[in-house]
Structure formats: C-alpha cells, structure tokens
Amino acid sequence: MEPPVMDLVGFLLARMAEDAHAAADLAAAQGADGIAERLRADAAAKRKVVLACRAAEPDLKFLGARPSGLADFPLPPRNAHQLAALTLALLAVPYADHPDYEQIWRA
C-alpha cells in the first residue's frame, strides 16, 4: 500500500527542521557561523522545493514502478506529478537510515 504523499512531505519537513536546529547548535557550540548559515540556507531552500513538489501533487505510485530486478535503474518521469515524486524521493535519500523512512520512497 502506498503511503500518503503527506507522509513523505511531513517526513522531509521534519528532517529539514532538525537540520536547521543542528546548524544553529553547531554555530553556538563551535562558532562556525559561516558553515551554520550555509546549512540553514540549504535547509530553507530544500523546504521550498518540498513545498513546491507538494503543490504539484506528486504521484508516489511512480516510485514503486521499476521493473523487477531493476531497482537501481532510474525511470524517467513523464509528467510534473512523477517529477515531483522523484524529487521528493531523492531529497529523502540522505535520511534513509531514519526509522521513519519508508522503503517505497527509495528512488
């Protein structure tokens, strides 16, 4: 069964909020303001991408559509809905070891 789109969007927004907080903690603890500012900007930009993809009504069924035996073969998206799903899935890859990550999101 396909998880709802909001699960993936919510998952990403939560991870990006955690990243922004970690950047603030880094700046406070180590005085790494330049790096922390870049990490905050990165999280903010990714958040905008996630929200734009959510507005595009991503087709998450596309993510599980790879032929058997070709799990690592990327399928080209055929429309904006599939592109939005692929973009969200790719943004989730760095968090694949998180306990709330769903394998169906694997792009």
Protein backbone atom coordinates (compact mmCIF):
# COMPACT_ATOMS: atom_id res chain seq x y z
CA MET A 1 0.00 0.00 0.00
CA GLU A 2 1.28 3.44 -0.94
CA PRO A 3 1.96 5.79 1.99
CA PRO A 4 0.15 9.11 1.65
CA VAL A 5 2.06 11.95 0.00
CA MET A 6 1.87 13.92 3.22
CA ASP A 7 3.88 11.19 4.95
CA LEU A 8 6.84 11.84 2.65
CA VAL A 9 6.37 15.61 2.73
CA GLY A 10 5.96 15.61 6.51
CA PHE A 11 8.98 13.33 6.89
CA LEU A 12 11.14 15.68 4.83
CA LEU A 13 9.92 18.84 6.55
CA ALA A 14 10.66 17.30 9.94
CA ARG A 15 14.18 16.25 8.89
CA MET A 16 14.90 19.70 7.46
CA ALA A 17 13.72 21.36 10.66
CA GLU A 18 16.08 19.06 12.57
CA ASP A 19 18.90 20.02 10.22
CA ALA A 20 18.21 23.73 10.76
CA HIS A 21 18.30 23.24 14.53
CA ALA A 22 21.53 21.23 14.28
CA ALA A 23 23.06 24.09 12.28
CA ALA A 24 22.09 26.55 15.00
CA ASP A 25 23.57 24.26 17.64
CA LEU A 26 26.78 23.97 15.62
CA ALA A 27 27.10 27.72 15.37
CA ALA A 28 26.52 28.18 19.10
CA ALA A 29 28.88 25.40 20.17
CA GLN A 30 31.76 25.91 17.76
CA GLY A 31 31.43 29.44 16.50
CA ALA A 32 31.06 28.05 12.96
CA ASP A 33 28.73 30.81 11.81
CA GLY A 34 29.62 30.56 8.10
CA ILE A 35 29.03 26.83 7.91
CA ALA A 36 25.92 27.03 10.06
CA GLU A 37 24.48 29.81 7.90
CA ARG A 38 25.05 27.74 4.76
CA LEU A 39 23.37 24.72 6.41
CA ARG A 40 20.39 26.87 7.44
CA ALA A 41 20.13 28.28 3.90
CA ASP A 42 20.35 24.75 2.47
CA ALA A 43 17.54 23.53 4.75
CA ALA A 44 15.40 26.57 3.84
CA ALA A 45 15.92 26.04 0.11
CA LYS A 46 15.09 22.34 0.36
CA ARG A 47 11.96 23.20 2.34
CA LYS A 48 10.81 25.40 -0.57
CA VAL A 49 11.46 22.56 -3.02
CA VAL A 50 9.43 20.17 -0.86
CA LEU A 51 6.52 22.61 -0.67
CA ALA A 52 6.63 23.20 -4.45
CA CYS A 53 6.61 19.44 -5.04
CA ARG A 54 3.67 19.01 -2.67
CA ALA A 55 1.76 21.64 -4.66
CA ALA A 56 2.49 19.66 -7.84
CA GLU A 57 0.53 16.70 -6.44
CA PRO A 58 3.29 14.06 -6.63
CA ASP A 59 2.45 10.62 -7.99
CA LEU A 60 4.15 8.35 -5.45
CA LYS A 61 3.00 5.23 -7.34
CA PHE A 62 5.71 6.17 -9.82
CA LEU A 63 8.37 5.41 -7.20
CA GLY A 64 7.41 1.75 -6.98
CA ALA A 65 7.04 1.27 -10.73
CA ARG A 66 10.51 -0.08 -11.53
CA PRO A 67 10.59 -3.49 -13.21
CA SER A 68 11.69 -6.43 -11.05
CA GLY A 69 15.45 -6.75 -10.97
CA LEU A 70 16.00 -3.12 -11.97
CA ALA A 71 15.68 -1.49 -8.56
CA ASP A 72 18.61 0.83 -9.24
CA PHE A 73 17.55 1.72 -12.78
CA PRO A 74 16.04 5.23 -12.78
CA LEU A 75 12.77 5.63 -14.60
CA PRO A 76 12.42 8.97 -16.34
CA PRO A 77 9.43 10.94 -15.11
CA ARG A 78 6.76 11.52 -17.76
CA ASN A 79 4.94 14.42 -16.19
CA ALA A 80 5.15 17.02 -13.43
CA HIS A 81 3.47 14.69 -10.92
CA GLN A 82 6.10 12.00 -11.41
CA LEU A 83 8.91 14.56 -11.38
CA ALA A 84 7.61 15.91 -8.06
CA ALA A 85 7.54 12.38 -6.60
CA LEU A 86 11.06 11.65 -7.82
CA THR A 87 12.35 14.95 -6.44
CA LEU A 88 10.84 14.25 -3.02
CA ALA A 89 12.23 10.72 -3.00
CA LEU A 90 15.71 11.96 -3.89
CA LEU A 91 15.58 14.58 -1.15
CA ALA A 92 14.77 11.78 1.30
CA VAL A 93 17.80 9.63 0.36
CA PRO A 94 20.18 11.21 2.93
CA TYR A 95 17.70 10.22 5.65
CA ALA A 96 17.30 6.58 4.56
CA ASP A 97 18.70 5.36 7.87
CA HIS A 98 16.00 7.21 9.84
CA PRO A 99 13.44 4.86 11.46
CA ASP A 100 10.51 6.69 9.81
CA TYR A 101 11.93 6.35 6.29
CA GLU A 102 9.75 4.18 4.02
CA GLN A 103 11.47 1.91 1.52
CA ILE A 104 8.83 2.74 -1.09
CA TRP A 105 10.38 6.22 -1.21
CA ARG A 106 13.68 4.80 -2.45
CA ALA A 107 14.36 6.50 -5.77
